[in-house]
Amino acid sequence: MQRAIQGSPPGFDDLTVHEQIEYVQGLWERIAAREDEVPVPEWHRAELDRRLAEYEAAPNAGRSWEQVEADLCTRLATRR
């Protein structure tokens, strides 16, 4: 049996891994429902500003999702 994580709710460690994942997912959904209360670190905001400025300076420099997805599928296929 695994060591109980300090602060976990009673009985959490007795749940299966699948049940623990469902529990955590439920907690996350409750938090996400109040997104205006979730703190966003300043460095996240700065990174978003940097990326937006980079995009606005050269909007055609990136690749479409379809191009990226096709490349990923090709790379994964060659690994098999």
PDB file of N, CA and C in Angstrom:
ATOM      1  N   MET A   1       0.839  -1.186   0.000  1.00  0.00           N
ATOM      2  CA  MET A   1       0.000   0.000   0.000  1.00  0.00           C
ATOM      3  C   MET A   1       0.882   1.247   0.000  1.00  0.00           C
ATOM      4  N   GLN A   2       0.446   2.256  -0.750  1.00  0.00           N
ATOM      5  CA  GLN A   2       1.216   3.490  -0.829  1.00  0.00           C
ATOM      6  C   GLN A   2       1.048   4.316   0.433  1.00  0.00           C
ATOM      7  N   ARG A   3       2.041   5.137   0.669  1.00  0.00           N
ATOM      8  CA  ARG A   3       2.000   6.064   1.799  1.00  0.00           C
ATOM      9  C   ARG A   3       0.960   7.134   1.515  1.00  0.00           C
ATOM     10  N   ALA A   4       0.154   7.455   2.511  1.00  0.00           N
ATOM     11  CA  ALA A   4      -0.866   8.495   2.354  1.00  0.00           C
ATOM     12  C   ALA A   4      -0.204   9.852   2.159  1.00  0.00           C
ATOM     13  N   ILE A   5      -0.726  10.601   1.217  1.00  0.00           N
ATOM     14  CA  ILE A   5      -0.231  11.956   0.979  1.00  0.00           C
ATOM     15  C   ILE A   5      -0.843  12.855   2.031  1.00  0.00           C
ATOM     16  N   GLN A   6      -0.008  13.635   2.666  1.00  0.00           N
ATOM     17  CA  GLN A   6      -0.496  14.534   3.710  1.00  0.00           C
ATOM     18  C   GLN A   6      -1.544  15.474   3.136  1.00  0.00           C
ATOM     19  N   GLY A   7      -2.677  15.554   3.796  1.00  0.00           N
ATOM     20  CA  GLY A   7      -3.726  16.464   3.369  1.00  0.00           C
ATOM     21  C   GLY A   7      -4.738  15.838   2.427  1.00  0.00           C
ATOM     22  N   SER A   8      -4.555  14.571   2.038  1.00  0.00           N
ATOM     23  CA  SER A   8      -5.554  13.957   1.170  1.00  0.00           C
ATOM     24  C   SER A   8      -6.793  13.636   1.998  1.00  0.00           C
ATOM     25  N   PRO A   9      -7.962  13.663   1.367  1.00  0.00           N
ATOM     26  CA  PRO A   9      -9.189  13.416   2.122  1.00  0.00           C
ATOM     27  C   PRO A   9      -9.240  11.980   2.642  1.00  0.00           C
ATOM     28  N   PRO A  10      -9.925  11.765   3.740  1.00  0.00           N
ATOM     29  CA  PRO A  10     -10.025  10.413   4.295  1.00  0.00           C
ATOM     30  C   PRO A  10     -10.582   9.443   3.255  1.00  0.00           C
ATOM     31  N   GLY A  11      -9.943   8.282   3.147  1.00  0.00           N
ATOM     32  CA  GLY A  11     -10.390   7.251   2.221  1.00  0.00           C
ATOM     33  C   GLY A  11      -9.847   7.381   0.816  1.00  0.00           C
ATOM     34  N   PHE A  12      -9.203   8.496   0.497  1.00  0.00           N
ATOM     35  CA  PHE A  12      -8.694   8.706  -0.860  1.00  0.00           C
ATOM     36  C   PHE A  12      -7.713   7.612  -1.262  1.00  0.00           C
ATOM     37  N   ASP A  13      -6.829   7.248  -0.356  1.00  0.00           N
ATOM     38  CA  ASP A  13      -5.822   6.241  -0.670  1.00  0.00           C
ATOM     39  C   ASP A  13      -6.409   4.841  -0.795  1.00  0.00           C
ATOM     40  N   ASP A  14      -7.643   4.654  -0.359  1.00  0.00           N
ATOM     41  CA  ASP A  14      -8.309   3.355  -0.491  1.00  0.00           C
ATOM     42  C   ASP A  14      -8.990   3.207  -1.849  1.00  0.00           C
ATOM     43  N   LEU A  15      -9.111   4.292  -2.595  1.00  0.00           N
ATOM     44  CA  LEU A  15      -9.722   4.252  -3.918  1.00  0.00           C
ATOM     45  C   LEU A  15      -8.770   3.631  -4.924  1.00  0.00           C
ATOM     46  N   THR A  16      -9.331   3.075  -5.998  1.00  0.00           N
ATOM     47  CA  THR A  16      -8.484   2.596  -7.088  1.00  0.00           C
ATOM     48  C   THR A  16      -7.873   3.813  -7.787  1.00  0.00           C
ATOM     49  N   VAL A  17      -6.865   3.599  -8.586  1.00  0.00           N
ATOM     50  CA  VAL A  17      -6.253   4.709  -9.323  1.00  0.00           C
ATOM     51  C   VAL A  17      -7.303   5.368 -10.219  1.00  0.00           C
ATOM     52  N   HIS A  18      -8.134   4.571 -10.868  1.00  0.00           N
ATOM     53  CA  HIS A  18      -9.183   5.123 -11.725  1.00  0.00           C
ATOM     54  C   HIS A  18     -10.125   6.025 -10.916  1.00  0.00           C
ATOM     55  N   GLU A  19     -10.533   5.563  -9.735  1.00  0.00           N
ATOM     56  CA  GLU A  19     -11.414   6.359  -8.883  1.00  0.00           C
ATOM     57  C   GLU A  19     -10.722   7.633  -8.397  1.00  0.00           C
ATOM     58  N   GLN A  20      -9.434   7.546  -8.102  1.00  0.00           N
ATOM     59  CA  GLN A  20      -8.683   8.732  -7.692  1.00  0.00           C
ATOM     60  C   GLN A  20      -8.642   9.748  -8.827  1.00  0.00           C
ATOM     61  N   ILE A  21      -8.426   9.272 -10.043  1.00  0.00           N
ATOM     62  CA  ILE A  21      -8.394  10.176 -11.203  1.00  0.00           C
ATOM     63  C   ILE A  21      -9.750  10.847 -11.380  1.00  0.00           C
ATOM     64  N   GLU A  22     -10.830  10.069 -11.263  1.00  0.00           N
ATOM     65  CA  GLU A  22     -12.170  10.652 -11.376  1.00  0.00           C
ATOM     66  C   GLU A  22     -12.410  11.697 -10.288  1.00  0.00           C
ATOM     67  N   TYR A  23     -11.938  11.424  -9.090  1.00  0.00           N
ATOM     68  CA  TYR A  23     -12.095  12.360  -7.966  1.00  0.00           C
ATOM     69  C   TYR A  23     -11.364  13.666  -8.266  1.00  0.00           C
ATOM     70  N   VAL A  24     -10.117  13.547  -8.700  1.00  0.00           N
ATOM     71  CA  VAL A  24      -9.315  14.734  -8.995  1.00  0.00           C
ATOM     72  C   VAL A  24      -9.924  15.505 -10.168  1.00  0.00           C
ATOM     73  N   GLN A  25     -10.410  14.781 -11.174  1.00  0.00           N
ATOM     74  CA  GLN A  25     -11.053  15.444 -12.311  1.00  0.00           C
ATOM     75  C   GLN A  25     -12.271  16.234 -11.840  1.00  0.00           C
ATOM     76  N   GLY A  26     -13.044  15.641 -10.933  1.00  0.00           N
ATOM     77  CA  GLY A  26     -14.199  16.340 -10.390  1.00  0.00           C
ATOM     78  C   GLY A  26     -13.804  17.599  -9.640  1.00  0.00           C
ATOM     79  N   LEU A  27     -12.719  17.509  -8.868  1.00  0.00           N
ATOM     80  CA  LEU A  27     -12.224  18.698  -8.163  1.00  0.00           C
ATOM     81  C   LEU A  27     -11.829  19.780  -9.152  1.00  0.00           C
ATOM     82  N   TRP A  28     -11.102  19.370 -10.204  1.00  0.00           N
ATOM     83  CA  TRP A  28     -10.651  20.343 -11.203  1.00  0.00           C
ATOM     84  C   TRP A  28     -11.844  21.020 -11.874  1.00  0.00           C
ATOM     85  N   GLU A  29     -12.886  20.258 -12.194  1.00  0.00           N
ATOM     86  CA  GLU A  29     -14.059  20.838 -12.832  1.00  0.00           C
ATOM     87  C   GLU A  29     -14.735  21.858 -11.920  1.00  0.00           C
ATOM     88  N   ARG A  30     -14.733  21.597 -10.617  1.00  0.00           N
ATOM     89  CA  ARG A  30     -15.301  22.558  -9.667  1.00  0.00           C
ATOM     90  C   ARG A  30     -14.475  23.844  -9.640  1.00  0.00           C
ATOM     91  N   ILE A  31     -13.159  23.705  -9.703  1.00  0.00           N
ATOM     92  CA  ILE A  31     -12.283  24.883  -9.712  1.00  0.00           C
ATOM     93  C   ILE A  31     -12.448  25.644 -11.024  1.00  0.00           C
ATOM     94  N   ALA A  32     -12.442  24.914 -12.139  1.00  0.00           N
ATOM     95  CA  ALA A  32     -12.529  25.551 -13.459  1.00  0.00           C
ATOM     96  C   ALA A  32     -13.860  26.285 -13.647  1.00  0.00           C
ATOM     97  N   ALA A  33     -14.891  25.854 -12.947  1.00  0.00           N
ATOM     98  CA  ALA A  33     -16.186  26.526 -13.053  1.00  0.00           C
ATOM     99  C   ALA A  33     -16.127  27.939 -12.476  1.00  0.00           C
ATOM    100  N   ARG A  34     -15.110  28.207 -11.681  1.00  0.00           N
ATOM    101  CA  ARG A  34     -14.920  29.543 -11.100  1.00  0.00           C
ATOM    102  C   ARG A  34     -13.625  30.152 -11.633  1.00  0.00           C
ATOM    103  N   GLU A  35     -13.452  30.085 -12.951  1.00  0.00           N
ATOM    104  CA  GLU A  35     -12.188  30.480 -13.573  1.00  0.00           C
ATOM    105  C   GLU A  35     -11.766  31.906 -13.249  1.00  0.00           C
ATOM    106  N   ASP A  36     -12.725  32.776 -12.989  1.00  0.00           N
ATOM    107  CA  ASP A  36     -12.372  34.157 -12.667  1.00  0.00           C
ATOM    108  C   ASP A  36     -11.685  34.266 -11.309  1.00  0.00           C
ATOM    109  N   GLU A  37     -11.739  33.204 -10.502  1.00  0.00           N
ATOM    110  CA  GLU A  37     -11.085  33.207  -9.191  1.00  0.00           C
ATOM    111  C   GLU A  37      -9.722  32.510  -9.211  1.00  0.00           C
ATOM    112  N   VAL A  38      -9.392  31.869 -10.340  1.00  0.00           N
ATOM    113  CA  VAL A  38      -8.124  31.136 -10.427  1.00  0.00           C
ATOM    114  C   VAL A  38      -6.998  32.138 -10.688  1.00  0.00           C
ATOM    115  N   PRO A  39      -6.003  32.180  -9.816  1.00  0.00           N
ATOM    116  CA  PRO A  39      -4.911  33.140 -10.013  1.00  0.00           C
ATOM    117  C   PRO A  39      -4.037  32.749 -11.202  1.00  0.00           C
ATOM    118  N   VAL A  40      -3.653  33.748 -11.971  1.00  0.00           N
ATOM    119  CA  VAL A  40      -2.747  33.531 -13.103  1.00  0.00           C
ATOM    120  C   VAL A  40      -1.440  34.236 -12.771  1.00  0.00           C
ATOM    121  N   PRO A  41      -0.346  33.474 -12.685  1.00  0.00           N
ATOM    122  CA  PRO A  41       0.939  34.101 -12.363  1.00  0.00           C
ATOM    123  C   PRO A  41       1.325  35.159 -13.400  1.00  0.00           C
ATOM    124  N   GLU A  42       1.991  36.180 -12.951  1.00  0.00           N
ATOM    125  CA  GLU A  42       2.391  37.268 -13.842  1.00  0.00           C
ATOM    126  C   GLU A  42       3.269  36.763 -14.983  1.00  0.00           C
ATOM    127  N   TRP A  43       4.106  35.770 -14.718  1.00  0.00           N
ATOM    128  CA  TRP A  43       4.984  35.275 -15.786  1.00  0.00           C
ATOM    129  C   TRP A  43       4.169  34.583 -16.882  1.00  0.00           C
ATOM    130  N   HIS A  44       3.001  34.019 -16.559  1.00  0.00           N
ATOM    131  CA  HIS A  44       2.125  33.450 -17.592  1.00  0.00           C
ATOM    132  C   HIS A  44       1.586  34.566 -18.483  1.00  0.00           C
ATOM    133  N   ARG A  45       1.148  35.650 -17.844  1.00  0.00           N
ATOM    134  CA  ARG A  45       0.624  36.786 -18.607  1.00  0.00           C
ATOM    135  C   ARG A  45       1.716  37.377 -19.504  1.00  0.00           C
ATOM    136  N   ALA A  46       2.925  37.480 -18.976  1.00  0.00           N
ATOM    137  CA  ALA A  46       4.040  38.024 -19.761  1.00  0.00           C
ATOM    138  C   ALA A  46       4.341  37.118 -20.960  1.00  0.00           C
ATOM    139  N   GLU A  47       4.294  35.811 -20.744  1.00  0.00           N
ATOM    140  CA  GLU A  47       4.562  34.874 -21.840  1.00  0.00           C
ATOM    141  C   GLU A  47       3.472  34.962 -22.904  1.00  0.00           C
ATOM    142  N   LEU A  48       2.229  35.089 -22.496  1.00  0.00           N
ATOM    143  CA  LEU A  48       1.141  35.259 -23.465  1.00  0.00           C
ATOM    144  C   LEU A  48       1.310  36.549 -24.252  1.00  0.00           C
ATOM    145  N   ASP A  49       1.672  37.627 -23.573  1.00  0.00           N
ATOM    146  CA  ASP A  49       1.919  38.897 -24.264  1.00  0.00           C
ATOM    147  C   ASP A  49       3.055  38.764 -25.268  1.00  0.00           C
ATOM    148  N   ARG A  50       4.128  38.062 -24.870  1.00  0.00           N
ATOM    149  CA  ARG A  50       5.276  37.864 -25.759  1.00  0.00           C
ATOM    150  C   ARG A  50       4.867  37.077 -27.001  1.00  0.00           C
ATOM    151  N   ARG A  51       4.117  36.010 -26.798  1.00  0.00           N
ATOM    152  CA  ARG A  51       3.696  35.177 -27.929  1.00  0.00           C
ATOM    153  C   ARG A  51       2.738  35.929 -28.854  1.00  0.00           C
ATOM    154  N   LEU A  52       1.838  36.712 -28.270  1.00  0.00           N
ATOM    155  CA  LEU A  52       0.919  37.488 -29.091  1.00  0.00           C
ATOM    156  C   LEU A  52       1.678  38.514 -29.922  1.00  0.00           C
ATOM    157  N   ALA A  53       2.636  39.180 -29.317  1.00  0.00           N
ATOM    158  CA  ALA A  53       3.435  40.175 -30.049  1.00  0.00           C
ATOM    159  C   ALA A  53       4.227  39.505 -31.168  1.00  0.00           C
ATOM    160  N   GLU A  54       4.761  38.318 -30.900  1.00  0.00           N
ATOM    161  CA  GLU A  54       5.512  37.573 -31.917  1.00  0.00           C
ATOM    162  C   GLU A  54       4.590  37.210 -33.086  1.00  0.00           C
ATOM    163  N   TYR A  55       3.395  36.758 -32.775  1.00  0.00           N
ATOM    164  CA  TYR A  55       2.428  36.427 -33.827  1.00  0.00           C
ATOM    165  C   TYR A  55       2.041  37.661 -34.626  1.00  0.00           C
ATOM    166  N   GLU A  56       1.748  38.766 -33.932  1.00  0.00           N
ATOM    167  CA  GLU A  56       1.326  39.979 -34.627  1.00  0.00           C
ATOM    168  C   GLU A  56       2.430  40.536 -35.514  1.00  0.00           C
ATOM    169  N   ALA A  57       3.685  40.317 -35.135  1.00  0.00           N
ATOM    170  CA  ALA A  57       4.814  40.797 -35.946  1.00  0.00           C
ATOM    171  C   ALA A  57       4.979  39.965 -37.218  1.00  0.00           C
ATOM    172  N   ALA A  58       4.598  38.695 -37.166  1.00  0.00           N
ATOM    173  CA  ALA A  58       4.763  37.817 -38.331  1.00  0.00           C
ATOM    174  C   ALA A  58       3.660  36.754 -38.318  1.00  0.00           C
ATOM    175  N   PRO A  59       2.424  37.127 -38.647  1.00  0.00           N
ATOM    176  CA  PRO A  59       1.301  36.192 -38.540  1.00  0.00           C
ATOM    177  C   PRO A  59       1.404  34.958 -39.432  1.00  0.00           C
ATOM    178  N   ASN A  60       2.198  35.026 -40.480  1.00  0.00           N
ATOM    179  CA  ASN A  60       2.319  33.885 -41.395  1.00  0.00           C
ATOM    180  C   ASN A  60       3.540  33.022 -41.112  1.00  0.00           C
ATOM    181  N   ALA A  61       4.260  33.324 -40.048  1.00  0.00           N
ATOM    182  CA  ALA A  61       5.497  32.596 -39.758  1.00  0.00           C
ATOM    183  C   ALA A  61       5.240  31.190 -39.225  1.00  0.00           C
ATOM    184  N   GLY A  62       4.104  30.971 -38.627  1.00  0.00           N
ATOM    185  CA  GLY A  62       3.814  29.668 -38.038  1.00  0.00           C
ATOM    186  C   GLY A  62       3.263  28.682 -39.050  1.00  0.00           C
ATOM    187  N   ARG A  63       2.905  27.513 -38.538  1.00  0.00           N
ATOM    188  CA  ARG A  63       2.298  26.488 -39.375  1.00  0.00           C
ATOM    189  C   ARG A  63       0.891  26.208 -38.861  1.00  0.00           C
ATOM    190  N   SER A  64       0.042  25.739 -39.742  1.00  0.00           N
ATOM    191  CA  SER A  64      -1.323  25.419 -39.348  1.00  0.00           C
ATOM    192  C   SER A  64      -1.335  24.149 -38.497  1.00  0.00           C
ATOM    193  N   TRP A  65      -2.429  23.968 -37.753  1.00  0.00           N
ATOM    194  CA  TRP A  65      -2.568  22.750 -36.962  1.00  0.00           C
ATOM    195  C   TRP A  65      -2.527  21.526 -37.876  1.00  0.00           C
ATOM    196  N   GLU A  66      -3.137  21.623 -39.044  1.00  0.00           N
ATOM    197  CA  GLU A  66      -3.151  20.492 -39.966  1.00  0.00           C
ATOM    198  C   GLU A  66      -1.737  20.082 -40.362  1.00  0.00           C
ATOM    199  N   GLN A  67      -0.853  21.057 -40.587  1.00  0.00           N
ATOM    200  CA  GLN A  67       0.545  20.748 -40.930  1.00  0.00           C
ATOM    201  C   GLN A  67       1.264  20.097 -39.758  1.00  0.00           C
ATOM    202  N   VAL A  68       1.077  20.644 -38.588  1.00  0.00           N
ATOM    203  CA  VAL A  68       1.718  20.094 -37.391  1.00  0.00           C
ATOM    204  C   VAL A  68       1.215  18.679 -37.134  1.00  0.00           C
ATOM    205  N   GLU A  69      -0.102  18.485 -37.226  1.00  0.00           N
ATOM    206  CA  GLU A  69      -0.686  17.162 -36.988  1.00  0.00           C
ATOM    207  C   GLU A  69      -0.152  16.141 -37.988  1.00  0.00           C
ATOM    208  N   ALA A  70      -0.073  16.519 -39.260  1.00  0.00           N
ATOM    209  CA  ALA A  70       0.444  15.599 -40.278  1.00  0.00           C
ATOM    210  C   ALA A  70       1.892  15.215 -39.981  1.00  0.00           C
ATOM    211  N   ASP A  71       2.702  16.177 -39.582  1.00  0.00           N
ATOM    212  CA  ASP A  71       4.098  15.892 -39.233  1.00  0.00           C
ATOM    213  C   ASP A  71       4.189  14.950 -38.042  1.00  0.00           C
ATOM    214  N   LEU A  72       3.370  15.186 -37.026  1.00  0.00           N
ATOM    215  CA  LEU A  72       3.372  14.321 -35.843  1.00  0.00           C
ATOM    216  C   LEU A  72       2.947  12.899 -36.201  1.00  0.00           C
ATOM    217  N   CYS A  73       1.929  12.773 -37.020  1.00  0.00           N
ATOM    218  CA  CYS A  73       1.467  11.447 -37.433  1.00  0.00           C
ATOM    219  C   CYS A  73       2.552  10.705 -38.201  1.00  0.00           C
ATOM    220  N   THR A  74       3.246  11.414 -39.072  1.00  0.00           N
ATOM    221  CA  THR A  74       4.352  10.807 -39.819  1.00  0.00           C
ATOM    222  C   THR A  74       5.462  10.357 -38.896  1.00  0.00           C
ATOM    223  N   ARG A  75       5.817  11.214 -37.944  1.00  0.00           N
ATOM    224  CA  ARG A  75       6.886  10.862 -36.998  1.00  0.00           C
ATOM    225  C   ARG A  75       6.503   9.666 -36.140  1.00  0.00           C
ATOM    226  N   LEU A  76       5.257   9.637 -35.698  1.00  0.00           N
ATOM    227  CA  LEU A  76       4.806   8.506 -34.878  1.00  0.00           C
ATOM    228  C   LEU A  76       4.752   7.218 -35.676  1.00  0.00           C
ATOM    229  N   ALA A  77       4.354   7.309 -36.928  1.00  0.00           N
ATOM    230  CA  ALA A  77       4.262   6.119 -37.768  1.00  0.00           C
ATOM    231  C   ALA A  77       5.628   5.490 -37.999  1.00  0.00           C
ATOM    232  N   THR A  78       6.660   6.315 -38.074  1.00  0.00           N
ATOM    233  CA  THR A  78       8.000   5.781 -38.318  1.00  0.00           C
ATOM    234  C   THR A  78       8.609   5.141 -37.076  1.00  0.00           C
ATOM    235  N   ARG A  79       8.031   5.381 -35.920  1.00  0.00           N
ATOM    236  CA  ARG A  79       8.539   4.797 -34.679  1.00  0.00           C
ATOM    237  C   ARG A  79       8.022   3.377 -34.459  1.00  0.00           C
ATOM    238  N   ARG A  80       7.020   2.996 -35.169  1.00  0.00           N
ATOM    239  CA  ARG A  80       6.395   1.666 -34.942  1.00  0.00           C
ATOM    240  C   ARG A  80       7.102   0.577 -35.644  1.00  0.00           C
TER     241      ARG A  80
END
